[in-house]
């Protein structure tokens, strides 16, 4: 299998790459512009490659899809960090272009499924406690959360129009906890 992980020099993307790389028949390409990710996090394993690339720039990412035949794409690239997203709202909004690029290129190159890293921030301020996915309205007001909402809508639209399958992850770090727990439930 060939995998693409955007934002793969971050915590979650690099952990996923290391997990996928355990199987030597998997080939993983990591894309990252290194604005917040670190090259030191990228697994130094034979079946993991790295390309410095900005997914928000079509001319930067299109050749990558042209060179590799990806089976699955994990789209984790985004402007992250509370203060960074508040200080740079236009950069955050540009992440919508990255989602559009990923979906368009995936549809045109035969990718089987997109896995998108969204956020529990899509819910905005709590409407009810505990929040429930099916009854809590999406009432986000910050650019970061709005981009996540728009990107989720892009995924649903590409599925409806073109049959491009997707899975959305809404990662949540409970208050008071610093670590991120990733559940490895993916069964290909």
N, C-alpha and C. Protein backbone atom coordinates (compact mmCIF):
# COMPACT_ATOMS: atom_id res chain seq x y z
N UNK A 1 0.83 -1.18 0.00
CA UNK A 1 0.00 0.00 0.00
C UNK A 1 0.88 1.25 0.00
N UNK A 2 0.43 2.26 -0.69
CA UNK A 2 1.10 3.56 -0.69
C UNK A 2 0.25 4.56 0.06
N UNK A 3 0.86 5.22 1.04
CA UNK A 3 0.17 6.18 1.88
C UNK A 3 0.80 7.55 1.74
N UNK A 4 -0.04 8.57 1.79
CA UNK A 4 0.41 9.94 1.88
C UNK A 4 -0.06 10.49 3.22
N UNK A 5 0.85 11.13 3.95
CA UNK A 5 0.49 11.78 5.20
C UNK A 5 0.93 13.24 5.08
N UNK A 6 -0.05 14.14 4.99
CA UNK A 6 0.27 15.56 4.98
C UNK A 6 0.38 16.02 6.43
N UNK A 7 1.28 16.95 6.68
CA UNK A 7 1.52 17.35 8.06
C UNK A 7 2.20 16.25 8.84
N UNK A 8 2.92 15.40 8.15
CA UNK A 8 3.52 14.22 8.76
C UNK A 8 4.72 14.47 9.64
N UNK A 9 5.18 15.72 9.72
CA UNK A 9 6.28 16.03 10.63
C UNK A 9 5.75 16.55 11.97
N UNK A 10 4.44 16.45 12.17
CA UNK A 10 3.83 16.80 13.45
C UNK A 10 3.69 15.57 14.33
N UNK A 11 3.14 15.75 15.51
CA UNK A 11 3.03 14.66 16.48
C UNK A 11 2.18 13.50 15.96
N UNK A 12 0.98 13.77 15.52
CA UNK A 12 0.07 12.70 15.12
C UNK A 12 0.51 12.06 13.82
N UNK A 13 0.86 12.89 12.83
CA UNK A 13 1.29 12.35 11.53
C UNK A 13 2.53 11.49 11.61
N UNK A 14 3.50 11.91 12.40
CA UNK A 14 4.74 11.13 12.51
C UNK A 14 4.50 9.82 13.27
N UNK A 15 3.61 9.85 14.28
CA UNK A 15 3.27 8.61 15.00
C UNK A 15 2.55 7.64 14.07
N UNK A 16 1.67 8.15 13.24
CA UNK A 16 0.97 7.31 12.27
C UNK A 16 1.96 6.71 11.27
N UNK A 17 2.87 7.52 10.77
CA UNK A 17 3.87 7.02 9.81
C UNK A 17 4.70 5.89 10.42
N UNK A 18 5.12 6.05 11.66
CA UNK A 18 5.91 5.01 12.33
C UNK A 18 5.10 3.72 12.46
N UNK A 19 3.83 3.86 12.77
CA UNK A 19 2.97 2.68 12.92
C UNK A 19 2.76 1.97 11.57
N UNK A 20 2.48 2.75 10.53
CA UNK A 20 2.27 2.15 9.20
C UNK A 20 3.55 1.52 8.66
N UNK A 21 4.69 2.11 9.00
CA UNK A 21 5.97 1.64 8.47
C UNK A 21 6.42 0.32 9.07
N UNK A 22 5.76 -0.13 10.11
CA UNK A 22 6.10 -1.44 10.70
C UNK A 22 5.94 -2.54 9.65
N UNK A 23 4.95 -2.38 8.79
CA UNK A 23 4.75 -3.34 7.70
C UNK A 23 5.65 -2.91 6.55
N UNK A 24 6.69 -3.69 6.22
CA UNK A 24 7.64 -3.27 5.19
C UNK A 24 7.04 -3.19 3.79
N UNK A 25 5.85 -3.75 3.59
CA UNK A 25 5.22 -3.66 2.27
C UNK A 25 4.49 -2.32 2.09
N UNK A 26 4.36 -1.54 3.16
CA UNK A 26 3.77 -0.20 3.07
C UNK A 26 4.84 0.80 2.69
N UNK A 27 4.48 1.73 1.83
CA UNK A 27 5.37 2.84 1.50
C UNK A 27 4.66 4.13 1.87
N UNK A 28 5.32 4.95 2.67
CA UNK A 28 4.70 6.15 3.22
C UNK A 28 5.48 7.37 2.74
N UNK A 29 4.74 8.33 2.17
CA UNK A 29 5.32 9.63 1.82
C UNK A 29 4.75 10.65 2.80
N UNK A 30 5.64 11.40 3.41
CA UNK A 30 5.25 12.47 4.32
C UNK A 30 5.48 13.81 3.61
N UNK A 31 4.43 14.63 3.63
CA UNK A 31 4.55 16.01 3.13
C UNK A 31 4.40 16.95 4.32
N UNK A 32 5.23 17.95 4.37
CA UNK A 32 5.13 18.95 5.43
C UNK A 32 5.91 20.18 4.98
N UNK A 33 5.38 21.36 5.29
CA UNK A 33 6.12 22.58 4.97
C UNK A 33 7.04 23.00 6.12
N UNK A 34 7.00 22.24 7.20
CA UNK A 34 7.85 22.43 8.38
C UNK A 34 7.62 23.76 9.09
N UNK A 35 6.45 24.36 8.90
CA UNK A 35 6.15 25.61 9.61
C UNK A 35 5.93 25.35 11.10
N UNK A 36 5.36 24.21 11.44
CA UNK A 36 5.21 23.84 12.85
C UNK A 36 5.74 22.43 13.12
N UNK A 37 5.86 21.62 12.10
CA UNK A 37 6.40 20.28 12.26
C UNK A 37 7.91 20.32 12.32
N UNK A 38 8.49 19.20 12.71
CA UNK A 38 9.95 19.12 12.84
C UNK A 38 10.46 17.88 12.11
N UNK A 39 11.46 18.08 11.29
CA UNK A 39 12.01 16.97 10.51
C UNK A 39 12.54 15.85 11.41
N UNK A 40 12.92 16.18 12.63
CA UNK A 40 13.42 15.17 13.57
C UNK A 40 12.33 14.17 13.97
N UNK A 41 11.07 14.52 13.80
CA UNK A 41 9.98 13.61 14.15
C UNK A 41 9.70 12.58 13.07
N UNK A 42 10.19 12.80 11.88
CA UNK A 42 9.91 11.88 10.77
C UNK A 42 10.69 10.59 10.99
N UNK A 43 10.00 9.46 10.96
CA UNK A 43 10.70 8.18 11.15
C UNK A 43 11.78 7.97 10.09
N UNK A 44 12.96 7.61 10.55
CA UNK A 44 14.08 7.35 9.65
C UNK A 44 14.08 5.86 9.31
N UNK A 45 13.11 5.49 8.49
CA UNK A 45 12.91 4.10 8.11
C UNK A 45 12.91 4.04 6.59
N UNK A 46 13.40 2.93 6.04
CA UNK A 46 13.57 2.80 4.60
C UNK A 46 12.29 3.03 3.80
N UNK A 47 11.14 2.63 4.34
CA UNK A 47 9.90 2.75 3.58
C UNK A 47 9.11 4.03 3.89
N UNK A 48 9.82 5.04 4.44
CA UNK A 48 9.22 6.34 4.70
C UNK A 48 10.03 7.40 3.96
N UNK A 49 9.34 8.18 3.12
CA UNK A 49 10.00 9.27 2.41
C UNK A 49 9.43 10.60 2.84
N UNK A 50 10.21 11.66 2.65
CA UNK A 50 9.78 13.00 3.05
C UNK A 50 9.96 13.96 1.88
N UNK A 51 8.94 14.81 1.67
CA UNK A 51 9.00 15.87 0.68
C UNK A 51 8.53 17.15 1.35
N UNK A 52 9.38 18.18 1.31
CA UNK A 52 8.95 19.48 1.84
C UNK A 52 8.02 20.09 0.81
N UNK A 53 6.80 20.39 1.27
CA UNK A 53 5.77 20.79 0.33
C UNK A 53 4.67 21.53 1.08
N UNK A 54 4.02 22.48 0.40
CA UNK A 54 2.88 23.20 0.97
C UNK A 54 1.62 22.71 0.27
N UNK A 55 0.75 22.00 0.98
CA UNK A 55 -0.46 21.44 0.37
C UNK A 55 -1.43 22.53 -0.07
N UNK A 56 -1.29 23.73 0.46
CA UNK A 56 -2.17 24.83 0.07
C UNK A 56 -1.80 25.42 -1.30
N UNK A 57 -0.66 25.01 -1.83
CA UNK A 57 -0.18 25.48 -3.14
C UNK A 57 -0.29 24.33 -4.14
N UNK A 58 -1.26 24.44 -5.04
CA UNK A 58 -1.54 23.35 -5.99
C UNK A 58 -0.29 22.98 -6.80
N UNK A 59 0.47 23.99 -7.24
CA UNK A 59 1.65 23.70 -8.05
C UNK A 59 2.73 22.99 -7.25
N UNK A 60 2.68 23.08 -5.95
CA UNK A 60 3.63 22.39 -5.08
C UNK A 60 3.25 20.93 -4.88
N UNK A 61 1.95 20.68 -4.73
CA UNK A 61 1.49 19.33 -4.37
C UNK A 61 1.12 18.46 -5.57
N UNK A 62 0.68 19.04 -6.66
CA UNK A 62 0.24 18.25 -7.82
C UNK A 62 1.32 17.29 -8.33
N UNK A 63 2.59 17.70 -8.43
CA UNK A 63 3.61 16.76 -8.90
C UNK A 63 3.78 15.54 -8.00
N UNK A 64 3.52 15.70 -6.71
CA UNK A 64 3.64 14.57 -5.78
C UNK A 64 2.59 13.51 -6.12
N UNK A 65 1.36 13.95 -6.37
CA UNK A 65 0.31 13.01 -6.76
C UNK A 65 0.60 12.41 -8.13
N UNK A 66 1.26 13.19 -9.00
CA UNK A 66 1.62 12.68 -10.31
C UNK A 66 2.70 11.62 -10.27
N UNK A 67 3.56 11.69 -9.28
CA UNK A 67 4.69 10.75 -9.18
C UNK A 67 4.34 9.45 -8.46
N UNK A 68 3.46 9.54 -7.47
CA UNK A 68 3.12 8.38 -6.65
C UNK A 68 1.66 7.99 -6.86
N UNK A 69 1.37 6.75 -6.76
CA UNK A 69 0.00 6.25 -6.86
C UNK A 69 -0.46 5.91 -5.44
N UNK A 70 -1.06 6.88 -4.75
CA UNK A 70 -1.45 6.68 -3.36
C UNK A 70 -2.75 5.90 -3.27
N UNK A 71 -2.76 4.96 -2.32
CA UNK A 71 -3.99 4.23 -2.02
C UNK A 71 -4.82 4.99 -1.00
N UNK A 72 -4.15 5.55 0.00
CA UNK A 72 -4.83 6.25 1.09
C UNK A 72 -4.09 7.54 1.40
N UNK A 73 -4.88 8.57 1.75
CA UNK A 73 -4.31 9.87 2.10
C UNK A 73 -4.80 10.27 3.49
N UNK A 74 -3.87 10.61 4.36
CA UNK A 74 -4.17 11.14 5.67
C UNK A 74 -3.83 12.63 5.63
N UNK A 75 -4.85 13.47 5.69
CA UNK A 75 -4.63 14.92 5.59
C UNK A 75 -4.63 15.53 6.98
N UNK A 76 -3.41 15.76 7.50
CA UNK A 76 -3.22 16.32 8.83
C UNK A 76 -2.56 17.70 8.79
N UNK A 77 -2.25 18.21 7.60
CA UNK A 77 -1.58 19.50 7.49
C UNK A 77 -2.55 20.63 7.83
N UNK A 78 -2.11 21.54 8.69
CA UNK A 78 -2.94 22.69 9.07
C UNK A 78 -2.11 23.65 9.90
N UNK A 79 -2.54 24.91 9.89
CA UNK A 79 -1.96 25.87 10.83
C UNK A 79 -2.51 25.49 12.20
N UNK A 80 -1.62 25.27 13.15
CA UNK A 80 -2.03 24.81 14.48
C UNK A 80 -1.43 25.69 15.57
N UNK A 81 -2.00 25.57 16.74
CA UNK A 81 -1.54 26.33 17.90
C UNK A 81 -2.49 27.50 18.13
N UNK A 82 -3.03 27.58 19.33
CA UNK A 82 -4.06 28.58 19.64
C UNK A 82 -3.60 29.98 19.27
N UNK A 83 -2.45 30.41 19.79
CA UNK A 83 -2.01 31.78 19.54
C UNK A 83 -1.69 31.99 18.07
N UNK A 84 -1.06 31.02 17.43
CA UNK A 84 -0.70 31.13 16.02
C UNK A 84 -1.96 31.28 15.16
N UNK A 85 -3.01 30.52 15.47
CA UNK A 85 -4.24 30.61 14.67
C UNK A 85 -4.97 31.93 14.92
N UNK A 86 -4.90 32.44 16.14
CA UNK A 86 -5.53 33.73 16.44
C UNK A 86 -4.76 34.89 15.79
N UNK A 87 -3.44 34.78 15.74
CA UNK A 87 -2.61 35.83 15.16
C UNK A 87 -2.60 35.83 13.63
N UNK A 88 -2.94 34.69 13.01
CA UNK A 88 -2.84 34.54 11.55
C UNK A 88 -4.12 33.98 10.94
N UNK A 89 -5.25 34.66 11.10
CA UNK A 89 -6.51 34.09 10.61
C UNK A 89 -6.53 33.84 9.10
N UNK A 90 -5.86 34.67 8.30
CA UNK A 90 -5.86 34.45 6.86
C UNK A 90 -5.06 33.21 6.47
N UNK A 91 -3.96 32.96 7.18
CA UNK A 91 -3.20 31.72 6.94
C UNK A 91 -4.06 30.50 7.26
N UNK A 92 -4.81 30.61 8.35
CA UNK A 92 -5.69 29.51 8.75
C UNK A 92 -6.74 29.27 7.67
N UNK A 93 -7.36 30.34 7.18
CA UNK A 93 -8.40 30.19 6.16
C UNK A 93 -7.85 29.61 4.87
N UNK A 94 -6.56 29.82 4.60
CA UNK A 94 -5.94 29.25 3.41
C UNK A 94 -5.90 27.72 3.45
N UNK A 95 -6.05 27.14 4.65
CA UNK A 95 -6.08 25.68 4.75
C UNK A 95 -7.27 25.07 4.01
N UNK A 96 -8.30 25.87 3.74
CA UNK A 96 -9.42 25.37 2.91
C UNK A 96 -8.92 25.01 1.52
N UNK A 97 -7.98 25.79 0.99
CA UNK A 97 -7.40 25.51 -0.32
C UNK A 97 -6.64 24.18 -0.28
N UNK A 98 -5.96 23.91 0.83
CA UNK A 98 -5.25 22.64 0.96
C UNK A 98 -6.21 21.46 0.90
N UNK A 99 -7.35 21.57 1.57
CA UNK A 99 -8.35 20.50 1.53
C UNK A 99 -8.86 20.31 0.12
N UNK A 100 -9.16 21.42 -0.56
CA UNK A 100 -9.63 21.34 -1.94
C UNK A 100 -8.59 20.67 -2.83
N UNK A 101 -7.32 21.02 -2.68
CA UNK A 101 -6.25 20.41 -3.47
C UNK A 101 -6.16 18.91 -3.22
N UNK A 102 -6.20 18.52 -1.95
CA UNK A 102 -6.09 17.10 -1.59
C UNK A 102 -7.24 16.31 -2.21
N UNK A 103 -8.46 16.82 -2.07
CA UNK A 103 -9.62 16.10 -2.60
C UNK A 103 -9.60 16.02 -4.12
N UNK A 104 -9.30 17.12 -4.78
CA UNK A 104 -9.27 17.13 -6.24
C UNK A 104 -8.23 16.16 -6.78
N UNK A 105 -7.03 16.22 -6.22
CA UNK A 105 -5.96 15.34 -6.68
C UNK A 105 -6.24 13.88 -6.32
N UNK A 106 -6.83 13.63 -5.18
CA UNK A 106 -7.16 12.25 -4.78
C UNK A 106 -8.21 11.66 -5.71
N UNK A 107 -9.22 12.44 -6.01
CA UNK A 107 -10.28 11.99 -6.93
C UNK A 107 -9.70 11.66 -8.30
N UNK A 108 -8.79 12.48 -8.77
CA UNK A 108 -8.25 12.32 -10.12
C UNK A 108 -7.16 11.27 -10.23
N UNK A 109 -6.67 10.75 -9.11
CA UNK A 109 -5.58 9.77 -9.17
C UNK A 109 -5.95 8.42 -8.56
N UNK A 110 -7.22 8.22 -8.23
CA UNK A 110 -7.67 6.91 -7.78
C UNK A 110 -7.44 6.59 -6.32
N UNK A 111 -7.26 7.59 -5.48
CA UNK A 111 -7.13 7.33 -4.04
C UNK A 111 -8.41 6.67 -3.55
N UNK A 112 -8.27 5.65 -2.70
CA UNK A 112 -9.43 4.89 -2.22
C UNK A 112 -10.17 5.59 -1.09
N UNK A 113 -9.44 6.29 -0.22
CA UNK A 113 -10.08 6.92 0.94
C UNK A 113 -9.19 8.04 1.46
N UNK A 114 -9.85 9.12 1.90
CA UNK A 114 -9.19 10.23 2.57
C UNK A 114 -9.50 10.12 4.05
N UNK A 115 -8.49 10.32 4.87
CA UNK A 115 -8.67 10.41 6.32
C UNK A 115 -8.33 11.84 6.70
N UNK A 116 -9.29 12.54 7.26
CA UNK A 116 -9.11 13.96 7.55
C UNK A 116 -9.05 14.21 9.05
N UNK A 117 -8.07 15.01 9.44
CA UNK A 117 -7.89 15.39 10.84
C UNK A 117 -8.66 16.67 11.11
N UNK A 118 -9.85 16.52 11.67
CA UNK A 118 -10.65 17.67 12.06
C UNK A 118 -10.38 17.96 13.53
N UNK A 119 -11.36 18.46 14.24
CA UNK A 119 -11.14 18.83 15.63
C UNK A 119 -12.47 18.92 16.35
N UNK A 120 -12.44 18.70 17.64
CA UNK A 120 -13.64 18.91 18.46
C UNK A 120 -13.98 20.39 18.53
N UNK A 121 -13.08 21.25 18.07
CA UNK A 121 -13.34 22.69 18.04
C UNK A 121 -14.50 23.05 17.12
N UNK A 122 -14.91 22.14 16.24
CA UNK A 122 -16.03 22.44 15.35
C UNK A 122 -17.31 22.72 16.13
N UNK A 123 -17.38 22.25 17.37
CA UNK A 123 -18.57 22.47 18.18
C UNK A 123 -18.60 23.86 18.83
N UNK A 124 -17.46 24.55 18.88
CA UNK A 124 -17.42 25.87 19.50
C UNK A 124 -17.68 25.78 20.99
N UNK A 125 -18.29 26.80 21.53
CA UNK A 125 -18.62 26.83 22.95
C UNK A 125 -19.65 25.76 23.27
N UNK A 126 -19.50 25.06 24.39
CA UNK A 126 -20.43 23.98 24.72
C UNK A 126 -21.88 24.47 24.79
N UNK A 127 -22.74 23.76 24.12
CA UNK A 127 -24.17 24.01 24.11
C UNK A 127 -24.83 23.12 25.16
N UNK A 128 -24.23 21.94 25.33
CA UNK A 128 -24.71 21.00 26.33
C UNK A 128 -23.50 20.24 26.87
N UNK A 129 -23.60 19.79 28.10
CA UNK A 129 -22.54 19.00 28.73
C UNK A 129 -23.16 17.69 29.19
N UNK A 130 -22.65 16.55 28.81
CA UNK A 130 -21.57 16.39 27.85
C UNK A 130 -22.05 16.69 26.42
N UNK A 131 -21.09 17.07 25.59
CA UNK A 131 -21.42 17.31 24.19
C UNK A 131 -21.67 15.98 23.50
N UNK A 132 -22.67 15.95 22.66
CA UNK A 132 -23.00 14.74 21.90
C UNK A 132 -22.89 15.05 20.42
N UNK A 133 -22.21 14.20 19.71
CA UNK A 133 -21.92 14.45 18.30
C UNK A 133 -23.18 14.72 17.47
N UNK A 134 -24.26 14.01 17.74
CA UNK A 134 -25.44 14.12 16.89
C UNK A 134 -26.44 15.18 17.34
N UNK A 135 -26.27 15.75 18.54
CA UNK A 135 -27.22 16.75 19.00
C UNK A 135 -26.59 18.11 19.28
N UNK A 136 -25.28 18.17 19.42
CA UNK A 136 -24.61 19.45 19.68
C UNK A 136 -24.43 20.18 18.35
N UNK A 137 -24.93 21.40 18.23
CA UNK A 137 -24.79 22.13 16.96
C UNK A 137 -23.34 22.55 16.73
N UNK A 138 -22.98 22.63 15.45
CA UNK A 138 -21.66 23.12 15.09
C UNK A 138 -21.74 24.64 15.09
N UNK A 139 -21.23 25.27 16.14
CA UNK A 139 -21.38 26.71 16.29
C UNK A 139 -20.03 27.40 16.48
N UNK A 140 -19.03 26.92 15.76
CA UNK A 140 -17.70 27.50 15.90
C UNK A 140 -17.65 28.91 15.32
N UNK A 141 -16.81 29.73 15.94
CA UNK A 141 -16.67 31.11 15.51
C UNK A 141 -15.23 31.46 15.12
N UNK A 142 -14.27 30.69 15.57
CA UNK A 142 -12.87 30.96 15.28
C UNK A 142 -12.48 30.41 13.91
N UNK A 143 -11.58 31.11 13.18
CA UNK A 143 -11.19 30.65 11.84
C UNK A 143 -10.73 29.19 11.81
N UNK A 144 -9.95 28.75 12.80
CA UNK A 144 -9.47 27.36 12.82
C UNK A 144 -10.63 26.38 12.77
N UNK A 145 -11.63 26.60 13.62
CA UNK A 145 -12.77 25.68 13.67
C UNK A 145 -13.65 25.81 12.43
N UNK A 146 -13.78 27.01 11.91
CA UNK A 146 -14.56 27.21 10.69
C UNK A 146 -13.94 26.45 9.53
N UNK A 147 -12.61 26.51 9.43
CA UNK A 147 -11.90 25.76 8.37
C UNK A 147 -12.14 24.26 8.53
N UNK A 148 -12.13 23.78 9.75
CA UNK A 148 -12.39 22.35 9.97
C UNK A 148 -13.81 22.00 9.52
N UNK A 149 -14.79 22.85 9.83
CA UNK A 149 -16.16 22.62 9.38
C UNK A 149 -16.27 22.61 7.86
N UNK A 150 -15.65 23.60 7.23
CA UNK A 150 -15.68 23.68 5.77
C UNK A 150 -15.02 22.46 5.15
N UNK A 151 -13.90 22.04 5.70
CA UNK A 151 -13.18 20.88 5.16
C UNK A 151 -13.99 19.60 5.32
N UNK A 152 -14.70 19.47 6.43
CA UNK A 152 -15.59 18.31 6.59
C UNK A 152 -16.68 18.34 5.52
N UNK A 153 -17.22 19.53 5.24
CA UNK A 153 -18.25 19.67 4.20
C UNK A 153 -17.68 19.31 2.83
N UNK A 154 -16.44 19.70 2.56
CA UNK A 154 -15.78 19.31 1.31
C UNK A 154 -15.73 17.78 1.19
N UNK A 155 -15.36 17.11 2.26
CA UNK A 155 -15.28 15.64 2.23
C UNK A 155 -16.64 15.03 1.90
N UNK A 156 -17.68 15.50 2.57
CA UNK A 156 -19.03 14.99 2.31
C UNK A 156 -19.45 15.26 0.86
N UNK A 157 -19.12 16.44 0.35
CA UNK A 157 -19.49 16.81 -1.02
C UNK A 157 -18.76 15.95 -2.04
N UNK A 158 -17.48 15.70 -1.84
CA UNK A 158 -16.73 14.87 -2.78
C UNK A 158 -17.22 13.42 -2.75
N UNK A 159 -17.68 12.98 -1.60
CA UNK A 159 -18.27 11.64 -1.54
C UNK A 159 -19.59 11.61 -2.32
N UNK A 160 -20.42 12.61 -2.10
CA UNK A 160 -21.73 12.66 -2.76
C UNK A 160 -21.57 12.81 -4.28
N UNK A 161 -20.66 13.66 -4.72
CA UNK A 161 -20.49 13.92 -6.16
C UNK A 161 -19.68 12.85 -6.88
N UNK A 162 -18.63 12.34 -6.23
CA UNK A 162 -17.68 11.47 -6.92
C UNK A 162 -17.48 10.11 -6.28
N UNK A 163 -18.07 9.88 -5.12
CA UNK A 163 -17.90 8.60 -4.44
C UNK A 163 -16.55 8.45 -3.75
N UNK A 164 -15.83 9.55 -3.54
CA UNK A 164 -14.54 9.48 -2.85
C UNK A 164 -14.80 9.27 -1.36
N UNK A 165 -14.42 8.11 -0.88
CA UNK A 165 -14.70 7.76 0.52
C UNK A 165 -13.78 8.53 1.46
N UNK A 166 -14.29 8.76 2.66
CA UNK A 166 -13.55 9.54 3.64
C UNK A 166 -13.88 9.07 5.05
N UNK A 167 -12.96 9.38 5.96
CA UNK A 167 -13.16 9.23 7.39
C UNK A 167 -12.68 10.51 8.03
N UNK A 168 -13.48 11.04 8.95
CA UNK A 168 -13.10 12.26 9.66
C UNK A 168 -12.78 11.91 11.10
N UNK A 169 -11.60 12.36 11.55
CA UNK A 169 -11.21 12.21 12.95
C UNK A 169 -11.41 13.56 13.63
N UNK A 170 -12.11 13.58 14.74
CA UNK A 170 -12.21 14.79 15.56
C UNK A 170 -11.45 14.52 16.84
N UNK A 171 -10.16 14.83 16.80
CA UNK A 171 -9.32 14.58 17.96
C UNK A 171 -9.72 15.49 19.10
N UNK A 172 -9.68 14.95 20.29
CA UNK A 172 -10.06 15.68 21.48
C UNK A 172 -9.02 15.43 22.56
N UNK A 173 -8.56 16.49 23.17
CA UNK A 173 -7.67 16.36 24.32
C UNK A 173 -8.48 16.85 25.51
N UNK A 174 -8.92 15.94 26.39
CA UNK A 174 -9.70 16.36 27.55
C UNK A 174 -8.95 17.38 28.39
N UNK A 175 -9.71 18.30 28.98
CA UNK A 175 -9.09 19.34 29.81
C UNK A 175 -8.23 18.70 30.89
N UNK A 176 -7.07 19.29 31.09
CA UNK A 176 -6.16 18.81 32.13
C UNK A 176 -5.20 17.74 31.63
N UNK A 177 -5.39 17.25 30.41
CA UNK A 177 -4.49 16.23 29.88
C UNK A 177 -3.64 16.85 28.78
N UNK A 178 -2.39 16.50 28.76
CA UNK A 178 -1.48 17.05 27.77
C UNK A 178 -1.23 16.03 26.66
N UNK A 179 -1.28 14.78 26.97
CA UNK A 179 -0.95 13.76 25.97
C UNK A 179 -2.13 13.53 25.02
N UNK A 180 -1.81 13.05 23.84
CA UNK A 180 -2.81 12.70 22.84
C UNK A 180 -2.81 11.19 22.71
N UNK A 181 -3.96 10.60 22.77
CA UNK A 181 -4.08 9.15 22.62
C UNK A 181 -4.67 8.87 21.24
N UNK A 182 -3.99 8.06 20.48
CA UNK A 182 -4.47 7.70 19.16
C UNK A 182 -4.92 6.25 19.21
N UNK A 183 -6.11 6.01 18.74
CA UNK A 183 -6.62 4.64 18.68
C UNK A 183 -6.32 4.08 17.30
N UNK A 184 -5.63 2.97 17.26
CA UNK A 184 -5.28 2.35 15.99
C UNK A 184 -6.36 1.34 15.63
N UNK A 185 -7.42 1.81 15.03
CA UNK A 185 -8.53 0.94 14.69
C UNK A 185 -8.68 0.77 13.19
N UNK A 186 -7.78 1.31 12.44
CA UNK A 186 -7.90 1.27 10.99
C UNK A 186 -7.68 -0.15 10.49
N UNK A 187 -8.61 -0.63 9.72
CA UNK A 187 -8.54 -1.99 9.19
C UNK A 187 -8.69 -1.91 7.68
N UNK A 188 -7.59 -2.05 6.98
CA UNK A 188 -7.62 -1.96 5.53
C UNK A 188 -7.77 -3.36 5.00
